[in-house]
Every structure is written in C-alpha cells, then in structure tokens.
Amino acid sequence: MVCCGDAIDGQGTKTRGTEQWSTDLEDQLFAAADLLRMFKADKVLLINGTGYHVDAGGRPLESILGELISAEVVGPYGSRSAEEIFLRIGGKTFHFAHHIEIGSGWYKTTPLARELVFALLNETSKHRVDVVLRGHVHYFVGVEFSRQRGYIVPCWQMQTRYMIRRGPFRMVPEFGALRFGVKDGSINVQKFIFKLEETKPQVIQL
C-alpha cells in the first residue's frame, strides 16, 4: 500500500486551526497510523506531502508516521518516507510523488498528460516508468498513452474553505483509492470511488 502524501492535515495556520479536529500533530499522527493499520497491508510505503501540512522542524511528519507503523525504508538515511518512489512489480515500474499542478474543467487531464511526457523525456536520467501516480489535488483523473499510463489518486478529505474559495463547483473532491494488479506483463487497475452522502452540502428548506 502506498500513501501519496498529506497523511495528516497539519495545524492549519492560515485558518488558525478552525478546520482541524485537532491542531495537535501527535493526535493527527496517531489517528493516521490507526487508519492505515486498518488496511492490514503487508508493506506500506509513504510519500511526503505538502510542506504546509506535514513539515515540522525540517522533517516531514510522514517519516515519523512511517516509524509508527513500520513502513518500508524508502528515503535517504533510513527514512521511512520519500519525495518520490520508483516501485518495480512484475517487471513494471510505478512512480509515486505527491505534487502536481491543478487542472480544472476540460483541462483536468492536462497536468497529468504533461507529467507523462516529462517522464518519457527524462527516463535516461531517472528510470523508464510505466505508471505515474500523483496526489495533492483531491480528484481522480486517468490518462493512458500507448506505452504509459498515469493517475491522480482520489483523496480522503471533504471540501475545505480553501477549495470553496477557489470555486465551489471547480474543486470538488473525490473519495477513494486505486488497486493495481500486474500479471503476465499487463496492468489492471480497479477504481474505488465513493459517493458519500454526508459530503453533500446541506439544502436549506424555507
């Protein structure tokens, strides 16, 4: 199991903590650890999220979360989190990172398609990649070319004040996860997208 960053929300300094159920980072870390343990994954890999949410004292809190749940060592100096991960399974290489630009409307796929092109252009400097996965923007998108495919994974956070301010109908989060299977050189993906009734805004009856 790979968590693509922002496993905790941080202290919410720009909103004075009004959107956090707790501004105590230990509270958030222990809650995240409990939630990730519920999946009972054999191996867990953690990506570092946005500094605003997960940095404290110069160290990404995902690295501490990794120690709490005995995640795999994937970063430098024995760190249990990393900025990017190349993961090879069944002869296919997956690339995980957190950040990607926000796309909207009919350009929602553009940042991901551009990421796939850059992966091709720079594979001699890094590695050939078959699947690119990103987080950060809280919606699901998939793009597929002849040799590559890419996905922005869905999130686990409801629409925030920031997202509503950017556009109530423009930044609507999608909840869920992706599951990949690799067999005989082919890649299968299952999408788990949940439509949660409690995430819908209230309708005022007069």
N, C-alpha and C. Protein backbone atom coordinates (compact mmCIF):
# COMPACT_ATOMS: atom_id res chain seq x y z
N MET A 1 0.85 -1.18 0.00
CA MET A 1 0.00 0.00 0.00
C MET A 1 0.88 1.23 0.00
N VAL A 2 0.53 2.19 -0.85
CA VAL A 2 1.28 3.44 -0.94
C VAL A 2 0.35 4.59 -0.60
N CYS A 3 0.77 5.43 0.31
CA CYS A 3 0.05 6.65 0.65
C CYS A 3 0.77 7.81 -0.03
N CYS A 4 0.04 8.54 -0.90
CA CYS A 4 0.67 9.54 -1.78
C CYS A 4 0.79 10.92 -1.15
N GLY A 5 0.93 11.00 0.16
CA GLY A 5 1.23 12.27 0.82
C GLY A 5 0.05 12.91 1.51
N ASP A 6 0.36 13.88 2.37
CA ASP A 6 -0.64 14.58 3.19
C ASP A 6 -1.46 13.61 4.02
N ALA A 7 -0.76 12.71 4.67
CA ALA A 7 -1.45 11.76 5.56
C ALA A 7 -2.06 12.47 6.76
N ILE A 8 -1.52 13.65 7.09
CA ILE A 8 -2.14 14.49 8.12
C ILE A 8 -2.38 15.87 7.52
N ASP A 9 -3.19 16.69 8.20
CA ASP A 9 -3.56 17.99 7.67
C ASP A 9 -2.71 19.12 8.24
N GLY A 10 -2.03 18.87 9.34
CA GLY A 10 -1.22 19.90 9.95
C GLY A 10 -2.02 20.82 10.87
N GLN A 11 -1.42 21.93 11.25
CA GLN A 11 -2.04 22.82 12.23
C GLN A 11 -2.94 23.88 11.62
N GLY A 12 -2.99 23.97 10.30
CA GLY A 12 -3.88 24.91 9.66
C GLY A 12 -3.63 26.35 10.06
N THR A 13 -2.38 26.78 9.99
CA THR A 13 -2.03 28.12 10.48
C THR A 13 -2.73 29.24 9.71
N LYS A 14 -2.99 29.02 8.42
CA LYS A 14 -3.64 30.08 7.62
C LYS A 14 -5.11 30.26 8.00
N THR A 15 -5.71 29.25 8.57
CA THR A 15 -7.11 29.35 9.01
C THR A 15 -7.21 29.29 10.54
N ARG A 16 -6.06 29.47 11.22
CA ARG A 16 -5.99 29.46 12.68
C ARG A 16 -6.56 28.17 13.29
N GLY A 17 -6.39 27.08 12.55
CA GLY A 17 -6.80 25.78 13.08
C GLY A 17 -8.29 25.54 13.12
N THR A 18 -9.08 26.40 12.45
CA THR A 18 -10.53 26.27 12.55
C THR A 18 -11.08 25.07 11.80
N GLU A 19 -10.29 24.48 10.87
CA GLU A 19 -10.78 23.35 10.08
C GLU A 19 -10.24 22.01 10.57
N GLN A 20 -9.39 22.03 11.59
CA GLN A 20 -8.79 20.80 12.10
C GLN A 20 -9.58 20.29 13.30
N TRP A 21 -9.80 19.00 13.36
CA TRP A 21 -10.45 18.43 14.55
C TRP A 21 -9.52 18.50 15.75
N SER A 22 -8.20 18.51 15.47
CA SER A 22 -7.19 18.74 16.49
C SER A 22 -6.00 19.38 15.81
N THR A 23 -5.42 20.40 16.46
CA THR A 23 -4.21 21.01 15.91
C THR A 23 -2.95 20.38 16.51
N ASP A 24 -3.14 19.39 17.37
CA ASP A 24 -2.01 18.66 17.95
C ASP A 24 -1.50 17.66 16.92
N LEU A 25 -0.26 17.81 16.49
CA LEU A 25 0.28 16.95 15.43
C LEU A 25 0.37 15.50 15.87
N GLU A 26 0.63 15.26 17.16
CA GLU A 26 0.65 13.88 17.64
C GLU A 26 -0.73 13.24 17.51
N ASP A 27 -1.78 13.99 17.85
CA ASP A 27 -3.14 13.47 17.67
C ASP A 27 -3.35 13.02 16.23
N GLN A 28 -2.97 13.88 15.30
CA GLN A 28 -3.18 13.57 13.89
C GLN A 28 -2.33 12.38 13.43
N LEU A 29 -1.09 12.33 13.90
CA LEU A 29 -0.21 11.22 13.52
C LEU A 29 -0.75 9.88 14.02
N PHE A 30 -1.17 9.83 15.28
CA PHE A 30 -1.67 8.57 15.83
C PHE A 30 -2.98 8.16 15.15
N ALA A 31 -3.82 9.13 14.80
CA ALA A 31 -5.06 8.81 14.09
C ALA A 31 -4.74 8.26 12.70
N ALA A 32 -3.79 8.89 12.01
CA ALA A 32 -3.40 8.41 10.68
C ALA A 32 -2.83 7.00 10.76
N ALA A 33 -2.01 6.75 11.78
CA ALA A 33 -1.43 5.41 11.95
C ALA A 33 -2.53 4.38 12.16
N ASP A 34 -3.52 4.70 13.00
CA ASP A 34 -4.62 3.76 13.25
C ASP A 34 -5.39 3.47 11.96
N LEU A 35 -5.64 4.51 11.17
CA LEU A 35 -6.39 4.32 9.92
C LEU A 35 -5.61 3.46 8.93
N LEU A 36 -4.32 3.72 8.78
CA LEU A 36 -3.52 2.95 7.82
C LEU A 36 -3.38 1.50 8.25
N ARG A 37 -3.30 1.26 9.56
CA ARG A 37 -3.22 -0.13 10.04
C ARG A 37 -4.48 -0.92 9.71
N MET A 38 -5.62 -0.24 9.59
CA MET A 38 -6.87 -0.93 9.31
C MET A 38 -6.84 -1.69 7.98
N PHE A 39 -5.98 -1.24 7.03
CA PHE A 39 -5.90 -1.91 5.73
C PHE A 39 -5.13 -3.23 5.81
N LYS A 40 -4.35 -3.42 6.88
CA LYS A 40 -3.60 -4.66 7.11
C LYS A 40 -2.72 -5.02 5.91
N ALA A 41 -2.07 -4.01 5.34
CA ALA A 41 -1.18 -4.24 4.20
C ALA A 41 0.11 -4.91 4.65
N ASP A 42 0.63 -5.80 3.81
CA ASP A 42 1.90 -6.45 4.13
C ASP A 42 3.05 -5.45 4.15
N LYS A 43 3.02 -4.49 3.22
CA LYS A 43 4.06 -3.46 3.15
C LYS A 43 3.39 -2.11 2.92
N VAL A 44 3.90 -1.08 3.59
CA VAL A 44 3.38 0.28 3.42
C VAL A 44 4.52 1.19 3.01
N LEU A 45 4.28 2.00 1.98
CA LEU A 45 5.26 2.98 1.51
C LEU A 45 4.62 4.36 1.61
N LEU A 46 5.39 5.34 2.09
CA LEU A 46 4.86 6.67 2.33
C LEU A 46 5.59 7.73 1.51
N ILE A 47 4.80 8.60 0.88
CA ILE A 47 5.31 9.75 0.14
C ILE A 47 5.13 10.99 1.02
N ASN A 48 6.11 11.89 0.98
CA ASN A 48 5.99 13.15 1.70
C ASN A 48 4.97 14.06 1.02
N GLY A 49 4.15 14.71 1.82
CA GLY A 49 3.13 15.59 1.27
C GLY A 49 3.58 17.03 1.18
N THR A 50 2.62 17.94 1.16
CA THR A 50 2.88 19.37 1.07
C THR A 50 3.45 19.88 2.38
N GLY A 51 4.50 20.68 2.28
CA GLY A 51 5.17 21.18 3.49
C GLY A 51 4.23 21.88 4.45
N TYR A 52 3.26 22.63 3.94
CA TYR A 52 2.31 23.35 4.80
C TYR A 52 1.57 22.40 5.73
N HIS A 53 1.31 21.19 5.25
CA HIS A 53 0.57 20.22 6.05
C HIS A 53 1.47 19.34 6.92
N VAL A 54 2.62 18.95 6.39
CA VAL A 54 3.35 17.85 7.04
C VAL A 54 4.77 18.18 7.51
N ASP A 55 5.25 19.41 7.31
CA ASP A 55 6.60 19.72 7.77
C ASP A 55 6.57 20.25 9.20
N ALA A 56 7.51 19.78 9.99
CA ALA A 56 7.66 20.26 11.37
C ALA A 56 9.11 20.12 11.77
N GLY A 57 9.76 21.24 12.03
CA GLY A 57 11.16 21.17 12.45
C GLY A 57 12.09 20.65 11.36
N GLY A 58 11.73 20.88 10.11
CA GLY A 58 12.58 20.47 9.00
C GLY A 58 12.47 19.01 8.63
N ARG A 59 11.53 18.30 9.25
CA ARG A 59 11.38 16.87 8.96
C ARG A 59 9.94 16.59 8.57
N PRO A 60 9.71 15.92 7.43
CA PRO A 60 8.33 15.58 7.06
C PRO A 60 7.72 14.62 8.09
N LEU A 61 6.52 14.93 8.51
CA LEU A 61 5.88 14.09 9.53
C LEU A 61 5.52 12.71 9.01
N GLU A 62 5.49 12.53 7.69
CA GLU A 62 5.29 11.17 7.16
C GLU A 62 6.42 10.24 7.58
N SER A 63 7.62 10.79 7.77
CA SER A 63 8.73 9.93 8.21
C SER A 63 8.49 9.43 9.63
N ILE A 64 7.88 10.27 10.48
CA ILE A 64 7.53 9.83 11.83
C ILE A 64 6.38 8.84 11.78
N LEU A 65 5.39 9.13 10.92
CA LEU A 65 4.28 8.19 10.72
C LEU A 65 4.81 6.83 10.27
N GLY A 66 5.79 6.84 9.38
CA GLY A 66 6.39 5.60 8.92
C GLY A 66 7.01 4.79 10.04
N GLU A 67 7.61 5.49 11.00
CA GLU A 67 8.19 4.79 12.15
C GLU A 67 7.10 4.19 13.03
N LEU A 68 5.98 4.90 13.16
CA LEU A 68 4.88 4.40 13.99
C LEU A 68 4.29 3.11 13.44
N ILE A 69 4.24 2.98 12.11
CA ILE A 69 3.58 1.81 11.51
C ILE A 69 4.57 0.86 10.84
N SER A 70 5.86 1.08 11.07
CA SER A 70 6.92 0.23 10.49
C SER A 70 6.81 0.17 8.96
N ALA A 71 6.65 1.34 8.36
CA ALA A 71 6.63 1.41 6.90
C ALA A 71 8.01 1.07 6.34
N GLU A 72 8.05 0.83 5.03
CA GLU A 72 9.32 0.47 4.38
C GLU A 72 10.29 1.66 4.40
N VAL A 73 11.57 1.36 4.47
CA VAL A 73 12.60 2.39 4.34
C VAL A 73 12.72 2.72 2.86
N VAL A 74 12.37 3.94 2.49
CA VAL A 74 12.34 4.34 1.08
C VAL A 74 13.12 5.62 0.81
N GLY A 75 13.49 6.35 1.88
CA GLY A 75 14.17 7.62 1.71
C GLY A 75 15.62 7.57 2.12
N PRO A 76 16.32 8.68 1.99
CA PRO A 76 17.73 8.72 2.38
C PRO A 76 17.91 8.61 3.89
N TYR A 77 19.07 8.08 4.29
CA TYR A 77 19.45 7.98 5.71
C TYR A 77 18.44 7.18 6.52
N GLY A 78 17.86 6.16 5.90
CA GLY A 78 16.95 5.28 6.62
C GLY A 78 15.56 5.83 6.84
N SER A 79 15.20 6.90 6.13
CA SER A 79 13.88 7.50 6.32
C SER A 79 12.79 6.57 5.80
N ARG A 80 11.67 6.56 6.48
CA ARG A 80 10.53 5.73 6.09
C ARG A 80 9.51 6.51 5.27
N SER A 81 9.95 7.60 4.65
CA SER A 81 9.15 8.34 3.67
C SER A 81 10.10 8.98 2.67
N ALA A 82 9.55 9.38 1.51
CA ALA A 82 10.41 9.93 0.46
C ALA A 82 9.63 10.91 -0.40
N GLU A 83 10.36 11.77 -1.13
CA GLU A 83 9.73 12.70 -2.05
C GLU A 83 9.20 11.98 -3.29
N GLU A 84 9.88 10.94 -3.71
CA GLU A 84 9.43 10.14 -4.86
C GLU A 84 9.86 8.69 -4.64
N ILE A 85 9.08 7.79 -5.20
CA ILE A 85 9.39 6.36 -5.09
C ILE A 85 9.23 5.72 -6.45
N PHE A 86 10.24 4.98 -6.87
CA PHE A 86 10.15 4.10 -8.03
C PHE A 86 9.93 2.69 -7.49
N LEU A 87 8.84 2.07 -7.88
CA LEU A 87 8.48 0.75 -7.37
C LEU A 87 8.30 -0.21 -8.54
N ARG A 88 9.08 -1.29 -8.56
CA ARG A 88 9.00 -2.25 -9.66
C ARG A 88 8.26 -3.51 -9.19
N ILE A 89 7.20 -3.84 -9.90
CA ILE A 89 6.38 -5.01 -9.59
C ILE A 89 6.08 -5.75 -10.88
N GLY A 90 6.41 -7.04 -10.92
CA GLY A 90 6.10 -7.85 -12.10
C GLY A 90 6.68 -7.31 -13.39
N GLY A 91 7.86 -6.68 -13.30
CA GLY A 91 8.50 -6.14 -14.48
C GLY A 91 8.00 -4.77 -14.90
N LYS A 92 7.05 -4.20 -14.18
CA LYS A 92 6.53 -2.86 -14.47
C LYS A 92 6.98 -1.88 -13.38
N THR A 93 7.27 -0.65 -13.79
CA THR A 93 7.76 0.35 -12.85
C THR A 93 6.70 1.42 -12.63
N PHE A 94 6.39 1.65 -11.35
CA PHE A 94 5.45 2.67 -10.93
C PHE A 94 6.24 3.83 -10.31
N HIS A 95 5.82 5.04 -10.60
CA HIS A 95 6.46 6.21 -9.99
C HIS A 95 5.43 6.98 -9.18
N PHE A 96 5.75 7.17 -7.90
CA PHE A 96 4.86 7.87 -6.97
C PHE A 96 5.50 9.18 -6.53
N ALA A 97 4.73 10.24 -6.52
CA ALA A 97 5.12 11.52 -5.94
C ALA A 97 3.83 12.23 -5.54
N HIS A 98 3.96 13.26 -4.73
CA HIS A 98 2.75 13.93 -4.25
C HIS A 98 2.27 15.04 -5.17
N HIS A 99 3.14 15.97 -5.50
CA HIS A 99 2.71 17.22 -6.12
C HIS A 99 2.42 17.09 -7.62
N ILE A 100 1.40 17.81 -8.03
CA ILE A 100 1.09 18.01 -9.43
C ILE A 100 0.23 19.26 -9.52
N GLU A 101 0.30 19.95 -10.64
CA GLU A 101 -0.49 21.16 -10.80
C GLU A 101 -1.98 20.83 -10.85
N ILE A 102 -2.79 21.81 -10.48
CA ILE A 102 -4.24 21.64 -10.51
C ILE A 102 -4.76 21.89 -11.92
N GLY A 103 -5.58 20.96 -12.41
CA GLY A 103 -6.28 21.18 -13.67
C GLY A 103 -7.76 21.35 -13.38
N SER A 104 -8.47 22.04 -14.24
CA SER A 104 -9.89 22.25 -13.99
C SER A 104 -10.66 22.21 -15.29
N GLY A 105 -11.97 21.95 -15.16
CA GLY A 105 -12.83 21.93 -16.34
C GLY A 105 -12.35 20.92 -17.36
N TRP A 106 -12.35 21.33 -18.62
CA TRP A 106 -11.93 20.42 -19.69
C TRP A 106 -10.42 20.29 -19.78
N TYR A 107 -9.66 20.97 -18.91
CA TYR A 107 -8.21 20.83 -18.85
C TYR A 107 -7.77 19.99 -17.65
N LYS A 108 -8.67 19.24 -17.08
CA LYS A 108 -8.35 18.48 -15.87
C LYS A 108 -7.25 17.44 -16.10
N THR A 109 -7.18 16.90 -17.31
CA THR A 109 -6.18 15.87 -17.60
C THR A 109 -4.82 16.45 -18.01
N THR A 110 -4.77 17.76 -18.30
CA THR A 110 -3.56 18.35 -18.88
C THR A 110 -2.32 18.20 -18.00
N PRO A 111 -2.36 18.52 -16.70
CA PRO A 111 -1.14 18.38 -15.88
C PRO A 111 -0.61 16.95 -15.86
N LEU A 112 -1.51 15.97 -15.82
CA LEU A 112 -1.08 14.58 -15.77
C LEU A 112 -0.48 14.14 -17.11
N ALA A 113 -1.11 14.54 -18.22
CA ALA A 113 -0.56 14.20 -19.54
C ALA A 113 0.83 14.81 -19.71
N ARG A 114 1.00 16.03 -19.23
CA ARG A 114 2.31 16.68 -19.30
C ARG A 114 3.33 15.93 -18.46
N GLU A 115 2.91 15.43 -17.30
CA GLU A 115 3.81 14.66 -16.43
C GLU A 115 4.30 13.39 -17.14
N LEU A 116 3.41 12.74 -17.88
CA LEU A 116 3.81 11.54 -18.62
C LEU A 116 4.83 11.87 -19.70
N VAL A 117 4.65 13.00 -20.39
CA VAL A 117 5.61 13.41 -21.42
C VAL A 117 6.97 13.69 -20.80
N PHE A 118 6.99 14.39 -19.66
CA PHE A 118 8.27 14.67 -18.99
C PHE A 118 8.94 13.38 -18.51
N ALA A 119 8.13 12.40 -18.09
CA ALA A 119 8.71 11.11 -17.69
C ALA A 119 9.43 10.45 -18.86
N LEU A 120 8.84 10.54 -20.06
CA LEU A 120 9.49 9.99 -21.25
C LEU A 120 10.79 10.73 -21.57
N LEU A 121 10.73 12.05 -21.51
CA LEU A 121 11.89 12.86 -21.88
C LEU A 121 13.07 12.65 -20.94
N ASN A 122 12.79 12.31 -19.68
CA ASN A 122 13.86 12.24 -18.68
C ASN A 122 14.13 10.83 -18.16
N GLU A 123 13.67 9.82 -18.90
CA GLU A 123 13.83 8.47 -18.37
C GLU A 123 15.29 8.01 -18.37
N THR A 124 16.13 8.59 -19.22
CA THR A 124 17.54 8.20 -19.19
C THR A 124 18.24 8.75 -17.93
N SER A 125 17.74 9.86 -17.40
CA SER A 125 18.32 10.43 -16.19
C SER A 125 17.76 9.77 -14.93
N LYS A 126 16.56 9.21 -15.04
CA LYS A 126 15.95 8.55 -13.89
C LYS A 126 15.72 7.08 -14.26
N HIS A 127 14.46 6.69 -14.51
CA HIS A 127 14.15 5.32 -14.89
C HIS A 127 12.97 5.34 -15.85
N ARG A 128 12.89 4.33 -16.70
CA ARG A 128 11.70 4.15 -17.53
C ARG A 128 10.51 3.83 -16.61
N VAL A 129 9.41 4.52 -16.83
CA VAL A 129 8.25 4.40 -15.96
C VAL A 129 7.04 3.97 -16.78
N ASP A 130 6.30 2.99 -16.25
CA ASP A 130 5.09 2.52 -16.91
C ASP A 130 3.83 3.19 -16.37
N VAL A 131 3.82 3.46 -15.06
CA VAL A 131 2.66 4.07 -14.43
C VAL A 131 3.12 5.21 -13.53
N VAL A 132 2.51 6.39 -13.72
CA VAL A 132 2.79 7.57 -12.90
C VAL A 132 1.59 7.80 -11.99
N LEU A 133 1.85 8.00 -10.70
CA LEU A 133 0.77 8.26 -9.74
C LEU A 133 1.07 9.51 -8.94
N ARG A 134 0.04 10.36 -8.80
CA ARG A 134 0.18 11.62 -8.06
C ARG A 134 -1.01 11.81 -7.12
N GLY A 135 -0.84 12.68 -6.15
CA GLY A 135 -1.91 13.02 -5.21
C GLY A 135 -2.23 14.50 -5.28
N HIS A 136 -2.28 15.15 -4.15
CA HIS A 136 -2.27 16.59 -3.98
C HIS A 136 -3.57 17.32 -4.33
N VAL A 137 -4.21 17.00 -5.47
CA VAL A 137 -5.29 17.86 -5.95
C VAL A 137 -6.69 17.34 -5.62
N HIS A 138 -6.79 16.17 -4.99
CA HIS A 138 -8.03 15.69 -4.39
C HIS A 138 -9.11 15.23 -5.37
N TYR A 139 -8.77 15.04 -6.62
CA TYR A 139 -9.74 14.46 -7.55
C TYR A 139 -9.09 13.30 -8.31
N PHE A 140 -9.91 12.46 -8.93
CA PHE A 140 -9.40 11.33 -9.71
C PHE A 140 -9.36 11.70 -11.19
N VAL A 141 -8.23 11.36 -11.82
CA VAL A 141 -8.08 11.50 -13.28
C VAL A 141 -7.18 10.38 -13.76
N GLY A 142 -7.47 9.83 -14.91
CA GLY A 142 -6.60 8.83 -15.54
C GLY A 142 -6.30 9.21 -16.97
N VAL A 143 -5.05 8.99 -17.39
CA VAL A 143 -4.60 9.26 -18.75
C VAL A 143 -3.80 8.06 -19.23
N GLU A 144 -4.02 7.64 -20.46
CA GLU A 144 -3.29 6.47 -20.98
C GLU A 144 -2.77 6.76 -22.38
N PHE A 145 -1.47 6.47 -22.59
CA PHE A 145 -0.85 6.54 -23.89
C PHE A 145 -0.46 5.12 -24.31
N SER A 146 0.19 4.99 -25.44
CA SER A 146 0.50 3.65 -25.95
C SER A 146 1.44 2.88 -25.03
N ARG A 147 2.35 3.59 -24.36
CA ARG A 147 3.33 2.90 -23.53
C ARG A 147 3.20 3.21 -22.05
N GLN A 148 2.50 4.28 -21.70
CA GLN A 148 2.41 4.69 -20.30
C GLN A 148 0.97 4.95 -19.92
N ARG A 149 0.78 5.01 -18.64
CA ARG A 149 -0.49 5.49 -18.10
C ARG A 149 -0.21 6.25 -16.81
N GLY A 150 -1.14 7.10 -16.44
CA GLY A 150 -0.96 7.89 -15.23
C GLY A 150 -2.29 8.13 -14.55
N TYR A 151 -2.23 8.33 -13.23
CA TYR A 151 -3.43 8.56 -12.44
C TYR A 151 -3.16 9.59 -11.35
N ILE A 152 -4.13 10.45 -11.15
CA ILE A 152 -4.19 11.24 -9.92
C ILE A 152 -5.15 10.51 -9.01
N VAL A 153 -4.66 10.13 -7.84
CA VAL A 153 -5.47 9.29 -6.94
C VAL A 153 -6.50 10.12 -6.19
N PRO A 154 -7.66 9.56 -5.91
CA PRO A 154 -8.66 10.30 -5.12
C PRO A 154 -8.17 10.50 -3.69
N CYS A 155 -8.92 11.29 -2.93
CA CYS A 155 -8.46 11.72 -1.61
C CYS A 155 -9.36 11.19 -0.51
N TRP A 156 -9.08 11.65 0.72
CA TRP A 156 -9.89 11.31 1.89
C TRP A 156 -10.15 12.56 2.72
N GLN A 157 -10.46 13.67 2.05
CA GLN A 157 -10.75 14.92 2.76
C GLN A 157 -11.92 15.62 2.08
N MET A 158 -12.85 16.11 2.89
CA MET A 158 -14.00 16.82 2.35
C MET A 158 -13.58 18.20 1.83
N GLN A 159 -14.49 18.86 1.15
CA GLN A 159 -14.21 20.17 0.57
C GLN A 159 -13.92 21.18 1.68
N THR A 160 -12.76 21.81 1.59
CA THR A 160 -12.33 22.76 2.61
C THR A 160 -12.73 24.18 2.23
N ARG A 161 -12.53 25.09 3.17
CA ARG A 161 -12.82 26.51 2.90
C ARG A 161 -11.98 27.01 1.73
N TYR A 162 -10.71 26.59 1.68
CA TYR A 162 -9.83 26.98 0.57
C TYR A 162 -10.40 26.53 -0.76
N MET A 163 -10.88 25.29 -0.82
CA MET A 163 -11.41 24.75 -2.07
C MET A 163 -12.69 25.47 -2.49
N ILE A 164 -13.53 25.81 -1.52
CA ILE A 164 -14.76 26.54 -1.84
C ILE A 164 -14.42 27.95 -2.33
N ARG A 165 -13.41 28.55 -1.72
CA ARG A 165 -13.00 29.88 -2.14
C ARG A 165 -12.47 29.88 -3.57
N ARG A 166 -11.76 28.81 -3.94
CA ARG A 166 -11.25 28.70 -5.31
C ARG A 166 -12.37 28.45 -6.32
N GLY A 167 -13.49 27.93 -5.84
CA GLY A 167 -14.64 27.67 -6.71
C GLY A 167 -15.43 26.48 -6.21
N PRO A 168 -16.63 26.70 -5.65
CA PRO A 168 -17.41 25.60 -5.06
C PRO A 168 -17.69 24.45 -6.03
N PHE A 169 -17.82 24.76 -7.33
CA PHE A 169 -18.06 23.72 -8.32
C PHE A 169 -16.80 23.35 -9.09
N ARG A 170 -15.71 24.07 -8.81
CA ARG A 170 -14.46 23.83 -9.55
C ARG A 170 -13.58 22.81 -8.84
N MET A 171 -13.55 22.86 -7.51
CA MET A 171 -12.66 21.98 -6.74
C MET A 171 -13.51 21.09 -5.84
N VAL A 172 -14.11 20.09 -6.42
CA VAL A 172 -14.95 19.15 -5.69
C VAL A 172 -14.16 17.86 -5.50
N PRO A 173 -13.85 17.48 -4.26
CA PRO A 173 -13.01 16.29 -4.04
C PRO A 173 -13.73 14.99 -4.37
N GLU A 174 -12.94 14.00 -4.74
CA GLU A 174 -13.44 12.65 -4.97
C GLU A 174 -12.75 11.71 -4.00
N PHE A 175 -13.52 10.83 -3.39
CA PHE A 175 -13.04 9.99 -2.30
C PHE A 175 -12.79 8.57 -2.81
N GLY A 176 -11.69 7.97 -2.35
CA GLY A 176 -11.48 6.57 -2.72
C GLY A 176 -10.02 6.17 -2.81
N ALA A 177 -9.76 5.15 -3.62
CA ALA A 177 -8.41 4.59 -3.76
C ALA A 177 -8.34 3.81 -5.07
N LEU A 178 -7.14 3.44 -5.45
CA LEU A 178 -6.90 2.61 -6.64
C LEU A 178 -6.17 1.34 -6.22
N ARG A 179 -6.50 0.25 -6.89
CA ARG A 179 -5.79 -1.01 -6.66
C ARG A 179 -5.25 -1.51 -7.99
N PHE A 180 -3.96 -1.86 -8.01
CA PHE A 180 -3.31 -2.32 -9.24
C PHE A 180 -2.96 -3.79 -9.14
N GLY A 181 -3.10 -4.46 -10.26
CA GLY A 181 -2.63 -5.84 -10.39
C GLY A 181 -1.72 -5.95 -11.60
N VAL A 182 -0.61 -6.67 -11.46
CA VAL A 182 0.33 -6.86 -12.57
C VAL A 182 0.48 -8.36 -12.80
N LYS A 183 0.16 -8.80 -14.02
CA LYS A 183 0.25 -10.22 -14.33
C LYS A 183 0.57 -10.40 -15.80
N ASP A 184 1.58 -11.23 -16.07
CA ASP A 184 1.99 -11.54 -17.44
C ASP A 184 2.22 -10.29 -18.27
N GLY A 185 2.83 -9.29 -17.66
CA GLY A 185 3.17 -8.08 -18.39
C GLY A 185 2.04 -7.09 -18.59
N SER A 186 0.86 -7.39 -18.08
CA SER A 186 -0.26 -6.45 -18.24
C SER A 186 -0.63 -5.88 -16.88
N ILE A 187 -1.17 -4.67 -16.91
CA ILE A 187 -1.52 -3.95 -15.69
C ILE A 187 -3.03 -3.77 -15.64
N ASN A 188 -3.60 -4.16 -14.53
CA ASN A 188 -5.04 -3.99 -14.30
C ASN A 188 -5.24 -3.00 -13.16
N VAL A 189 -6.21 -2.10 -13.31
CA VAL A 189 -6.48 -1.14 -12.25
C VAL A 189 -7.95 -1.19 -11.87
N GLN A 190 -8.20 -1.20 -10.58
CA GLN A 190 -9.56 -1.12 -10.04
C GLN A 190 -9.73 0.23 -9.38
N LYS A 191 -10.81 0.91 -9.69
CA LYS A 191 -11.10 2.21 -9.11
C LYS A 191 -12.16 2.05 -8.02
N PHE A 192 -11.88 2.60 -6.87
CA PHE A 192 -12.85 2.64 -5.77
C PHE A 192 -13.18 4.10 -5.52
N ILE A 193 -14.26 4.57 -6.12
CA ILE A 193 -14.70 5.95 -5.97
C ILE A 193 -16.01 5.94 -5.20
N PHE A 194 -16.01 6.57 -4.03
CA PHE A 194 -17.17 6.52 -3.16
C PHE A 194 -17.93 7.85 -3.19
N LYS A 195 -19.24 7.76 -3.40
CA LYS A 195 -20.11 8.92 -3.33
C LYS A 195 -20.76 8.93 -1.95
N LEU A 196 -20.24 9.77 -1.07
CA LEU A 196 -20.66 9.77 0.32
C LEU A 196 -21.74 10.83 0.54
N GLU A 197 -22.87 10.39 1.05
CA GLU A 197 -24.00 11.30 1.24
C GLU A 197 -23.65 12.44 2.20
N GLU A 198 -22.83 12.13 3.21
CA GLU A 198 -22.53 13.16 4.22
C GLU A 198 -21.62 14.25 3.69
N THR A 199 -21.02 14.07 2.48
CA THR A 199 -20.17 15.12 1.93
C THR A 199 -20.98 16.15 1.14
N LYS A 200 -22.25 15.87 0.90
CA LYS A 200 -23.06 16.84 0.14
C LYS A 200 -23.42 18.02 1.04
N PRO A 201 -23.42 19.24 0.48
CA PRO A 201 -23.82 20.39 1.31
C PRO A 201 -25.29 20.32 1.69
N GLN A 202 -25.62 20.96 2.79
CA GLN A 202 -26.99 20.98 3.28
C GLN A 202 -27.87 21.82 2.37
N VAL A 203 -29.10 21.37 2.16
CA VAL A 203 -30.10 22.15 1.44
C VAL A 203 -31.02 22.81 2.48
N ILE A 204 -31.11 24.10 2.43
CA ILE A 204 -31.94 24.84 3.39
C ILE A 204 -33.39 24.88 2.88
N GLN A 205 -34.30 24.38 3.68
CA GLN A 205 -35.72 24.39 3.32
C GLN A 205 -36.40 25.57 4.02
N LEU A 206 -37.13 26.37 3.25
CA LEU A 206 -37.86 27.51 3.81
C LEU A 206 -39.36 27.35 3.56
